[in-house]
Amino acid sequence: MIKIGSHISFSKPGYLVGAAEQSIENNANCMMIYLGAPQTTLRVNKENYRLKEYTLLYSKRIKPEDIIVHAPYIVNPSNPSKSKFAIDFLTKEIERMNYIGAKYLVLHPGSHTTFSIEEAKSSLISSLKQILKQTKDVVIALETMAGNGSNYCNNFEILKEIIETIGSNRMAICLDTCHIWDAGYNIKEYAQFKKYLKENDILKYIEVIHLNDSLNPLASKKDRHANIDKGYIGLDALKMFVHDKDFENIPIILETPYINNKPPYKEEISLLLNKTEPTLF
């Protein structure tokens, strides 16, 4: 089964109900939300989520376990001086996810800032171990980074090392197509890319996919998303992820830019699923 959806608004008055309605209108069967604005850790009381209405009306079409939650950008568990804040916040965020029944928390591993990569990696591992110890059920999916700034988790080997050092089945990878392209992985050579994942025992860790085209050429380390088939990756390569049997039942989430101030997700989902190519706005 192909699971495909998009980043969707989670705000008053609709919250879960509004997010599910919009996702279903887009012909999606999964979705990704931020429980608050991505640039802040402010959160409304979970009793405002309209969980009972969502459960009654939409939980069979967008299952709770197919609601992906993305952690805010400002949380940086790789920074030793900020790790306590990250642990405390993410522990509470996972408790909010437990209330919904959501399964995956997508987390940017963070940047090393003024610290060495080894210091940052040690801080990240220690932080994640504590978060896992203090929480239950939710899988933390570390997102692949483009290598911009001091983001250091821009290759699969380091993410695999972190996950295997932690040693928990509640750790996974979120593969972002724009990020890995910008980091230097030529996913247009899809067969070779898949061979690399299998030979290096990485495929089994990929449990969420962010599907985005890129505004920049291969290995640019820019992290600038483009609309589907409007960037350097192109439709053919992105379709390979959607229709790959190895990625069946893995949530595939679009995070592409708005077009003329409107979300393009319904058209882009159709573009990815169908042989015909609908015209975008």
C-alpha atoms as a PDB file:
ATOM      1  CA  MET A   1       0.000   0.000   0.000  1.00  0.00           C
ATOM      2  CA  ILE A   2       1.291   3.449  -0.916  1.00  0.00           C
ATOM      3  CA  LYS A   3       1.030   5.905   1.965  1.00  0.00           C
ATOM      4  CA  ILE A   4       1.272   9.475   0.764  1.00  0.00           C
ATOM      5  CA  GLY A   5       0.361  12.842   2.255  1.00  0.00           C
ATOM      6  CA  SER A   6       1.803  16.235   3.042  1.00  0.00           C
ATOM      7  CA  HIS A   7       2.667  18.720   5.723  1.00  0.00           C
ATOM      8  CA  ILE A   8      -0.712  20.116   6.715  1.00  0.00           C
ATOM      9  CA  SER A   9      -1.863  22.971   8.942  1.00  0.00           C
ATOM     10  CA  PHE A  10      -2.625  22.093  12.568  1.00  0.00           C
ATOM     11  CA  SER A  11      -4.158  25.179  14.107  1.00  0.00           C
ATOM     12  CA  LYS A  12      -7.358  26.507  15.600  1.00  0.00           C
ATOM     13  CA  PRO A  13     -10.179  26.005  15.166  1.00  0.00           C
ATOM     14  CA  GLY A  14      -9.749  22.754  13.206  1.00  0.00           C
ATOM     15  CA  TYR A  15      -6.687  21.069  14.713  1.00  0.00           C
ATOM     16  CA  LEU A  16      -6.921  17.301  14.039  1.00  0.00           C
ATOM     17  CA  VAL A  17     -10.326  17.592  12.370  1.00  0.00           C
ATOM     18  CA  GLY A  18      -9.234  20.350  10.001  1.00  0.00           C
ATOM     19  CA  ALA A  19      -5.926  18.665   9.204  1.00  0.00           C
ATOM     20  CA  ALA A  20      -7.632  15.352   8.418  1.00  0.00           C
ATOM     21  CA  GLU A  21     -10.318  17.020   6.283  1.00  0.00           C
ATOM     22  CA  GLN A  22      -7.747  18.864   4.190  1.00  0.00           C
ATOM     23  CA  SER A  23      -5.588  15.747   3.812  1.00  0.00           C
ATOM     24  CA  ILE A  24      -8.551  13.680   2.635  1.00  0.00           C
ATOM     25  CA  GLU A  25      -9.494  16.451   0.182  1.00  0.00           C
ATOM     26  CA  ASN A  26      -5.932  16.090  -1.197  1.00  0.00           C
ATOM     27  CA  ASN A  27      -6.498  12.314  -1.624  1.00  0.00           C
ATOM     28  CA  ALA A  28      -3.886  11.641   1.062  1.00  0.00           C
ATOM     29  CA  ASN A  29      -3.953   8.737   3.505  1.00  0.00           C
ATOM     30  CA  CYS A  30      -1.322  10.081   5.909  1.00  0.00           C
ATOM     31  CA  MET A  31      -0.227  13.547   7.028  1.00  0.00           C
ATOM     32  CA  MET A  32       2.448  15.451   8.893  1.00  0.00           C
ATOM     33  CA  ILE A  33       1.759  18.156  11.448  1.00  0.00           C
ATOM     34  CA  TYR A  34       3.661  20.400  13.813  1.00  0.00           C
ATOM     35  CA  LEU A  35       1.933  20.559  17.200  1.00  0.00           C
ATOM     36  CA  GLY A  36       2.824  24.273  17.178  1.00  0.00           C
ATOM     37  CA  ALA A  37       4.660  26.688  14.905  1.00  0.00           C
ATOM     38  CA  PRO A  38       8.003  25.119  13.838  1.00  0.00           C
ATOM     39  CA  GLN A  39       9.975  28.145  15.049  1.00  0.00           C
ATOM     40  CA  THR A  40       8.619  27.978  18.611  1.00  0.00           C
ATOM     41  CA  THR A  41       8.014  25.500  21.418  1.00  0.00           C
ATOM     42  CA  LEU A  42       4.711  27.091  22.456  1.00  0.00           C
ATOM     43  CA  ARG A  43       1.935  24.504  22.558  1.00  0.00           C
ATOM     44  CA  VAL A  44      -1.807  24.640  23.136  1.00  0.00           C
ATOM     45  CA  ASN A  45      -3.400  22.303  25.655  1.00  0.00           C
ATOM     46  CA  LYS A  46      -3.893  18.877  24.099  1.00  0.00           C
ATOM     47  CA  GLU A  47      -7.557  18.958  25.082  1.00  0.00           C
ATOM     48  CA  ASN A  48      -7.967  21.483  22.236  1.00  0.00           C
ATOM     49  CA  TYR A  49      -6.921  18.956  19.588  1.00  0.00           C
ATOM     50  CA  ARG A  50     -10.520  17.792  18.905  1.00  0.00           C
ATOM     51  CA  LEU A  51      -9.363  14.198  19.235  1.00  0.00           C
ATOM     52  CA  LYS A  52     -12.821  12.692  19.845  1.00  0.00           C
ATOM     53  CA  GLU A  53     -14.249  14.280  16.692  1.00  0.00           C
ATOM     54  CA  TYR A  54     -11.274  13.215  14.614  1.00  0.00           C
ATOM     55  CA  THR A  55     -11.522   9.662  15.974  1.00  0.00           C
ATOM     56  CA  LEU A  56     -15.225   9.448  15.172  1.00  0.00           C
ATOM     57  CA  LEU A  57     -15.087  11.053  11.736  1.00  0.00           C
ATOM     58  CA  TYR A  58     -11.686  10.434  10.160  1.00  0.00           C
ATOM     59  CA  SER A  59      -9.506   7.947  12.053  1.00  0.00           C
ATOM     60  CA  LYS A  60     -10.277   5.122   9.617  1.00  0.00           C
ATOM     61  CA  ARG A  61      -9.125   7.180   6.612  1.00  0.00           C
ATOM     62  CA  ILE A  62      -6.156   8.895   8.289  1.00  0.00           C
ATOM     63  CA  LYS A  63      -5.095   6.480  11.026  1.00  0.00           C
ATOM     64  CA  PRO A  64      -3.508   7.888  14.199  1.00  0.00           C
ATOM     65  CA  GLU A  65      -0.282   5.975  13.503  1.00  0.00           C
ATOM     66  CA  ASP A  66      -0.145   7.691  10.088  1.00  0.00           C
ATOM     67  CA  ILE A  67      -0.083  11.155  11.651  1.00  0.00           C
ATOM     68  CA  ILE A  68       3.590  12.156  11.554  1.00  0.00           C
ATOM     69  CA  VAL A  69       4.660  14.830  14.023  1.00  0.00           C
ATOM     70  CA  HIS A  70       7.654  17.034  13.193  1.00  0.00           C
ATOM     71  CA  ALA A  71       9.640  18.493  16.082  1.00  0.00           C
ATOM     72  CA  PRO A  72      10.283  22.255  15.951  1.00  0.00           C
ATOM     73  CA  TYR A  73      13.465  23.446  14.263  1.00  0.00           C
ATOM     74  CA  ILE A  74      14.800  25.293  17.296  1.00  0.00           C
ATOM     75  CA  VAL A  75      15.297  22.138  19.373  1.00  0.00           C
ATOM     76  CA  ASN A  76      18.982  21.150  19.158  1.00  0.00           C
ATOM     77  CA  PRO A  77      19.874  17.985  21.096  1.00  0.00           C
ATOM     78  CA  SER A  78      23.332  18.027  19.464  1.00  0.00           C
ATOM     79  CA  ASN A  79      24.306  21.165  21.381  1.00  0.00           C
ATOM     80  CA  PRO A  80      25.575  20.137  24.848  1.00  0.00           C
ATOM     81  CA  SER A  81      24.552  23.492  26.304  1.00  0.00           C
ATOM     82  CA  LYS A  82      20.995  23.117  24.966  1.00  0.00           C
ATOM     83  CA  SER A  83      20.483  19.390  25.503  1.00  0.00           C
ATOM     84  CA  LYS A  84      18.526  19.637  28.770  1.00  0.00           C
ATOM     85  CA  PHE A  85      15.989  21.916  27.111  1.00  0.00           C
ATOM     86  CA  ALA A  86      15.727  19.489  24.168  1.00  0.00           C
ATOM     87  CA  ILE A  87      15.220  16.502  26.469  1.00  0.00           C
ATOM     88  CA  ASP A  88      12.546  18.228  28.535  1.00  0.00           C
ATOM     89  CA  PHE A  89      10.659  19.572  25.536  1.00  0.00           C
ATOM     90  CA  LEU A  90      10.795  16.411  23.413  1.00  0.00           C
ATOM     91  CA  THR A  91       9.699  14.273  26.358  1.00  0.00           C
ATOM     92  CA  LYS A  92       6.573  16.428  26.660  1.00  0.00           C
ATOM     93  CA  GLU A  93       6.081  16.449  22.878  1.00  0.00           C
ATOM     94  CA  ILE A  94       6.054  12.654  22.827  1.00  0.00           C
ATOM     95  CA  GLU A  95       3.504  12.633  25.643  1.00  0.00           C
ATOM     96  CA  ARG A  96       1.292  14.841  23.452  1.00  0.00           C
ATOM     97  CA  MET A  97       1.789  12.360  20.616  1.00  0.00           C
ATOM     98  CA  ASN A  98       0.791   9.491  22.893  1.00  0.00           C
ATOM     99  CA  TYR A  99      -2.483  11.319  23.518  1.00  0.00           C
ATOM    100  CA  ILE A 100      -3.173  11.322  19.756  1.00  0.00           C
ATOM    101  CA  GLY A 101      -1.781   7.867  19.090  1.00  0.00           C
ATOM    102  CA  ALA A 102       0.814   9.174  16.617  1.00  0.00           C
ATOM    103  CA  LYS A 103       3.752   6.851  15.950  1.00  0.00           C
ATOM    104  CA  TYR A 104       6.601   8.857  14.375  1.00  0.00           C
ATOM    105  CA  LEU A 105       8.377  11.981  15.581  1.00  0.00           C
ATOM    106  CA  VAL A 106      10.603  13.421  12.849  1.00  0.00           C
ATOM    107  CA  LEU A 107      13.555  15.193  14.426  1.00  0.00           C
ATOM    108  CA  HIS A 108      16.343  17.253  12.904  1.00  0.00           C
ATOM    109  CA  PRO A 109      19.444  15.822  14.623  1.00  0.00           C
ATOM    110  CA  GLY A 110      20.729  19.337  15.207  1.00  0.00           C
ATOM    111  CA  SER A 111      23.891  21.279  14.469  1.00  0.00           C
ATOM    112  CA  HIS A 112      27.250  21.162  16.219  1.00  0.00           C
ATOM    113  CA  THR A 113      27.509  25.008  16.367  1.00  0.00           C
ATOM    114  CA  THR A 114      30.766  25.836  18.213  1.00  0.00           C
ATOM    115  CA  PHE A 115      31.352  22.253  19.347  1.00  0.00           C
ATOM    116  CA  SER A 116      33.191  19.485  17.528  1.00  0.00           C
ATOM    117  CA  ILE A 117      31.201  16.904  15.585  1.00  0.00           C
ATOM    118  CA  GLU A 118      32.194  14.238  18.109  1.00  0.00           C
ATOM    119  CA  GLU A 119      30.953  16.392  20.997  1.00  0.00           C
ATOM    120  CA  ALA A 120      27.699  17.048  19.132  1.00  0.00           C
ATOM    121  CA  LYS A 121      27.205  13.384  18.330  1.00  0.00           C
ATOM    122  CA  SER A 122      27.821  12.401  21.940  1.00  0.00           C
ATOM    123  CA  SER A 123      25.287  15.006  23.111  1.00  0.00           C
ATOM    124  CA  LEU A 124      22.710  13.779  20.595  1.00  0.00           C
ATOM    125  CA  ILE A 125      23.120  10.137  21.594  1.00  0.00           C
ATOM    126  CA  SER A 126      22.943  10.923  25.303  1.00  0.00           C
ATOM    127  CA  SER A 127      19.867  13.138  24.813  1.00  0.00           C
ATOM    128  CA  LEU A 128      18.021  10.543  22.762  1.00  0.00           C
ATOM    129  CA  LYS A 129      18.754   7.785  25.257  1.00  0.00           C
ATOM    130  CA  GLN A 130      17.252   9.885  28.048  1.00  0.00           C
ATOM    131  CA  ILE A 131      14.203  10.812  25.965  1.00  0.00           C
ATOM    132  CA  LEU A 132      13.548   7.179  25.087  1.00  0.00           C
ATOM    133  CA  LYS A 133      13.925   6.150  28.718  1.00  0.00           C
ATOM    134  CA  GLN A 134      11.369   8.745  29.837  1.00  0.00           C
ATOM    135  CA  THR A 135       8.769   8.029  27.118  1.00  0.00           C
ATOM    136  CA  LYS A 136       6.951   5.179  25.409  1.00  0.00           C
ATOM    137  CA  ASP A 137       5.778   3.915  22.020  1.00  0.00           C
ATOM    138  CA  VAL A 138       6.815   6.786  19.706  1.00  0.00           C
ATOM    139  CA  VAL A 139       9.597   6.137  17.159  1.00  0.00           C
ATOM    140  CA  ILE A 140      12.077   9.011  16.722  1.00  0.00           C
ATOM    141  CA  ALA A 141      13.019   9.320  13.046  1.00  0.00           C
ATOM    142  CA  LEU A 142      16.228  11.309  12.569  1.00  0.00           C
ATOM    143  CA  GLU A 143      16.006  13.345   9.385  1.00  0.00           C
ATOM    144  CA  THR A 144      18.776  13.316   6.793  1.00  0.00           C
ATOM    145  CA  MET A 145      20.382  16.746   6.546  1.00  0.00           C
ATOM    146  CA  ALA A 146      21.761  18.639   3.534  1.00  0.00           C
ATOM    147  CA  GLY A 147      25.018  19.655   5.263  1.00  0.00           C
ATOM    148  CA  ASN A 148      24.229  23.360   5.278  1.00  0.00           C
ATOM    149  CA  GLY A 149      25.726  25.418   8.096  1.00  0.00           C
ATOM    150  CA  SER A 150      26.973  23.203  10.916  1.00  0.00           C
ATOM    151  CA  ASN A 151      24.414  20.449  10.300  1.00  0.00           C
ATOM    152  CA  TYR A 152      26.581  17.352  10.397  1.00  0.00           C
ATOM    153  CA  CYS A 153      24.127  14.442   9.926  1.00  0.00           C
ATOM    154  CA  ASN A 154      24.290  14.703   6.152  1.00  0.00           C
ATOM    155  CA  ASN A 155      25.197  11.101   5.407  1.00  0.00           C
ATOM    156  CA  PHE A 156      23.525   7.800   6.164  1.00  0.00           C
ATOM    157  CA  GLU A 157      26.573   6.281   7.822  1.00  0.00           C
ATOM    158  CA  ILE A 158      26.558   8.718  10.724  1.00  0.00           C
ATOM    159  CA  LEU A 159      22.800   8.285  11.258  1.00  0.00           C
ATOM    160  CA  LYS A 160      23.219   4.509  11.221  1.00  0.00           C
ATOM    161  CA  GLU A 161      26.063   4.795  13.735  1.00  0.00           C
ATOM    162  CA  ILE A 162      23.942   6.953  16.055  1.00  0.00           C
ATOM    163  CA  ILE A 163      20.949   4.597  15.852  1.00  0.00           C
ATOM    164  CA  GLU A 164      23.036   1.473  16.443  1.00  0.00           C
ATOM    165  CA  THR A 165      24.869   3.097  19.353  1.00  0.00           C
ATOM    166  CA  ILE A 166      21.513   3.894  20.996  1.00  0.00           C
ATOM    167  CA  GLY A 167      20.354   0.333  20.310  1.00  0.00           C
ATOM    168  CA  SER A 168      16.584   0.877  20.412  1.00  0.00           C
ATOM    169  CA  ASN A 169      13.875  -0.228  17.999  1.00  0.00           C
ATOM    170  CA  ARG A 170      12.323   3.179  18.623  1.00  0.00           C
ATOM    171  CA  MET A 171      14.958   4.860  16.440  1.00  0.00           C
ATOM    172  CA  ALA A 172      14.677   5.269  12.661  1.00  0.00           C
ATOM    173  CA  ILE A 173      15.666   7.456   9.705  1.00  0.00           C
ATOM    174  CA  CYS A 174      13.503   9.991   7.873  1.00  0.00           C
ATOM    175  CA  LEU A 175      14.878  10.219   4.333  1.00  0.00           C
ATOM    176  CA  ASP A 176      14.417  13.671   2.787  1.00  0.00           C
ATOM    177  CA  THR A 177      14.969  13.554  -0.979  1.00  0.00           C
ATOM    178  CA  CYS A 178      15.900  17.236  -1.289  1.00  0.00           C
ATOM    179  CA  HIS A 179      18.338  16.990   1.618  1.00  0.00           C
ATOM    180  CA  ILE A 180      20.131  13.865   0.423  1.00  0.00           C
ATOM    181  CA  TRP A 181      20.368  15.253  -3.120  1.00  0.00           C
ATOM    182  CA  ASP A 182      21.848  18.473  -1.763  1.00  0.00           C
ATOM    183  CA  ALA A 183      24.181  16.384   0.421  1.00  0.00           C
ATOM    184  CA  GLY A 184      25.552  14.579  -2.637  1.00  0.00           C
ATOM    185  CA  TYR A 185      23.487  11.396  -3.118  1.00  0.00           C
ATOM    186  CA  ASN A 186      22.561  11.113  -6.800  1.00  0.00           C
ATOM    187  CA  ILE A 187      19.071   9.661  -6.491  1.00  0.00           C
ATOM    188  CA  LYS A 188      18.470  10.128 -10.221  1.00  0.00           C
ATOM    189  CA  GLU A 189      20.682   7.022 -10.479  1.00  0.00           C
ATOM    190  CA  TYR A 190      18.027   5.223  -8.473  1.00  0.00           C
ATOM    191  CA  ALA A 191      19.199   1.634  -8.926  1.00  0.00           C
ATOM    192  CA  GLN A 192      22.692   2.523  -7.728  1.00  0.00           C
ATOM    193  CA  PHE A 193      21.279   4.472  -4.795  1.00  0.00           C
ATOM    194  CA  LYS A 194      19.118   1.533  -3.712  1.00  0.00           C
ATOM    195  CA  LYS A 195      22.092  -0.813  -4.077  1.00  0.00           C
ATOM    196  CA  TYR A 196      24.074   1.463  -1.755  1.00  0.00           C
ATOM    197  CA  LEU A 197      21.280   1.437   0.859  1.00  0.00           C
ATOM    198  CA  LYS A 198      21.030  -2.356   0.786  1.00  0.00           C
ATOM    199  CA  GLU A 199      24.757  -3.087   0.751  1.00  0.00           C
ATOM    200  CA  ASN A 200      25.334  -0.776   3.724  1.00  0.00           C
ATOM    201  CA  ASP A 201      22.382  -2.183   5.696  1.00  0.00           C
ATOM    202  CA  ILE A 202      20.653   1.224   5.830  1.00  0.00           C
ATOM    203  CA  LEU A 203      17.355   0.432   4.099  1.00  0.00           C
ATOM    204  CA  LYS A 204      15.867  -1.229   7.188  1.00  0.00           C
ATOM    205  CA  TYR A 205      16.165   2.005   9.189  1.00  0.00           C
ATOM    206  CA  ILE A 206      14.143   4.170   6.764  1.00  0.00           C
ATOM    207  CA  GLU A 207      10.620   4.473   8.179  1.00  0.00           C
ATOM    208  CA  VAL A 208       9.531   7.936   6.965  1.00  0.00           C
ATOM    209  CA  ILE A 209      10.199   9.756   3.669  1.00  0.00           C
ATOM    210  CA  HIS A 210      10.005  13.488   2.941  1.00  0.00           C
ATOM    211  CA  LEU A 211       9.499  13.765  -0.819  1.00  0.00           C
ATOM    212  CA  ASN A 212      10.673  17.099  -2.229  1.00  0.00           C
ATOM    213  CA  ASP A 213      12.390  18.302  -5.369  1.00  0.00           C
ATOM    214  CA  SER A 214      15.451  20.568  -4.993  1.00  0.00           C
ATOM    215  CA  LEU A 215      16.074  24.100  -6.213  1.00  0.00           C
ATOM    216  CA  ASN A 216      19.813  23.396  -6.330  1.00  0.00           C
ATOM    217  CA  PRO A 217      22.173  21.047  -8.170  1.00  0.00           C
ATOM    218  CA  LEU A 218      23.628  17.871  -6.714  1.00  0.00           C
ATOM    219  CA  ALA A 219      25.878  18.304  -3.626  1.00  0.00           C
ATOM    220  CA  SER A 220      25.027  22.003  -3.255  1.00  0.00           C
ATOM    221  CA  LYS A 221      24.438  21.725   0.534  1.00  0.00           C
ATOM    222  CA  LYS A 222      21.726  24.398   0.277  1.00  0.00           C
ATOM    223  CA  ASP A 223      18.495  22.767   1.560  1.00  0.00           C
ATOM    224  CA  ARG A 224      15.985  24.596  -0.659  1.00  0.00           C
ATOM    225  CA  HIS A 225      12.858  22.621  -1.525  1.00  0.00           C
ATOM    226  CA  ALA A 226      11.227  22.803  -4.968  1.00  0.00           C
ATOM    227  CA  ASN A 227       7.850  21.620  -6.181  1.00  0.00           C
ATOM    228  CA  ILE A 228       7.583  18.148  -7.651  1.00  0.00           C
ATOM    229  CA  ASP A 229       9.196  18.096 -11.135  1.00  0.00           C
ATOM    230  CA  LYS A 230      10.188  21.766 -10.786  1.00  0.00           C
ATOM    231  CA  GLY A 231      13.736  21.191  -9.567  1.00  0.00           C
ATOM    232  CA  TYR A 232      16.971  19.365 -10.269  1.00  0.00           C
ATOM    233  CA  ILE A 233      15.760  15.927  -9.117  1.00  0.00           C
ATOM    234  CA  GLY A 234      12.755  15.622 -11.421  1.00  0.00           C
ATOM    235  CA  LEU A 235       9.563  13.596 -11.489  1.00  0.00           C
ATOM    236  CA  ASP A 236      10.976  10.268 -12.653  1.00  0.00           C
ATOM    237  CA  ALA A 237      13.342   9.865  -9.695  1.00  0.00           C
ATOM    238  CA  LEU A 238      10.755  11.027  -7.151  1.00  0.00           C
ATOM    239  CA  LYS A 239       8.160   8.607  -8.544  1.00  0.00           C
ATOM    240  CA  MET A 240      10.616   5.772  -7.936  1.00  0.00           C
ATOM    241  CA  PHE A 241      10.359   6.335  -4.187  1.00  0.00           C
ATOM    242  CA  VAL A 242       6.555   6.376  -4.300  1.00  0.00           C
ATOM    243  CA  HIS A 243       6.222   3.139  -6.282  1.00  0.00           C
ATOM    244  CA  ASP A 244       9.158   1.248  -4.718  1.00  0.00           C
ATOM    245  CA  LYS A 245       7.941  -1.993  -3.101  1.00  0.00           C
ATOM    246  CA  ASP A 246      10.583  -1.554  -0.371  1.00  0.00           C
ATOM    247  CA  PHE A 247       8.814   1.644   0.700  1.00  0.00           C
ATOM    248  CA  GLU A 248       5.270   0.270   0.799  1.00  0.00           C
ATOM    249  CA  ASN A 249       3.446   1.272   4.005  1.00  0.00           C
ATOM    250  CA  ILE A 250       6.093   3.904   4.753  1.00  0.00           C
ATOM    251  CA  PRO A 251       4.587   7.396   5.120  1.00  0.00           C
ATOM    252  CA  ILE A 252       5.700   9.619   2.232  1.00  0.00           C
ATOM    253  CA  ILE A 253       5.250  13.300   3.059  1.00  0.00           C
ATOM    254  CA  LEU A 254       5.400  16.271   0.671  1.00  0.00           C
ATOM    255  CA  GLU A 255       6.848  19.531   2.014  1.00  0.00           C
ATOM    256  CA  THR A 256       6.880  21.487  -1.235  1.00  0.00           C
ATOM    257  CA  PRO A 257       6.332  25.264  -1.540  1.00  0.00           C
ATOM    258  CA  TYR A 258       2.939  26.862  -2.088  1.00  0.00           C
ATOM    259  CA  ILE A 259       2.102  27.954  -5.641  1.00  0.00           C
ATOM    260  CA  ASN A 260       0.302  31.299  -5.989  1.00  0.00           C
ATOM    261  CA  ASN A 261      -0.268  31.215  -2.219  1.00  0.00           C
ATOM    262  CA  LYS A 262      -2.059  27.859  -2.474  1.00  0.00           C
ATOM    263  CA  PRO A 263      -0.901  24.401  -1.345  1.00  0.00           C
ATOM    264  CA  PRO A 264      -0.157  22.217  -4.406  1.00  0.00           C
ATOM    265  CA  TYR A 265      -0.456  18.893  -2.584  1.00  0.00           C
ATOM    266  CA  LYS A 266      -3.600  17.526  -4.246  1.00  0.00           C
ATOM    267  CA  GLU A 267      -2.123  18.105  -7.700  1.00  0.00           C
ATOM    268  CA  GLU A 268       1.331  16.839  -6.715  1.00  0.00           C
ATOM    269  CA  ILE A 269      -0.067  13.667  -5.127  1.00  0.00           C
ATOM    270  CA  SER A 270      -2.007  13.029  -8.341  1.00  0.00           C
ATOM    271  CA  LEU A 271       1.123  13.702 -10.378  1.00  0.00           C
ATOM    272  CA  LEU A 272       3.090  11.153  -8.371  1.00  0.00           C
ATOM    273  CA  LEU A 273       0.401   8.462  -8.319  1.00  0.00           C
ATOM    274  CA  ASN A 274      -0.924   8.698 -11.881  1.00  0.00           C
ATOM    275  CA  LYS A 275       0.519   8.330 -15.338  1.00  0.00           C
ATOM    276  CA  THR A 276      -1.165  11.511 -16.514  1.00  0.00           C
ATOM    277  CA  GLU A 277       0.346  14.828 -15.471  1.00  0.00           C
ATOM    278  CA  PRO A 278      -2.234  17.352 -14.203  1.00  0.00           C
ATOM    279  CA  THR A 279      -1.556  21.034 -14.645  1.00  0.00           C
ATOM    280  CA  LEU A 280      -0.587  22.815 -11.413  1.00  0.00           C
ATOM    281  CA  PHE A 281      -2.204  26.148 -10.480  1.00  0.00           C
END
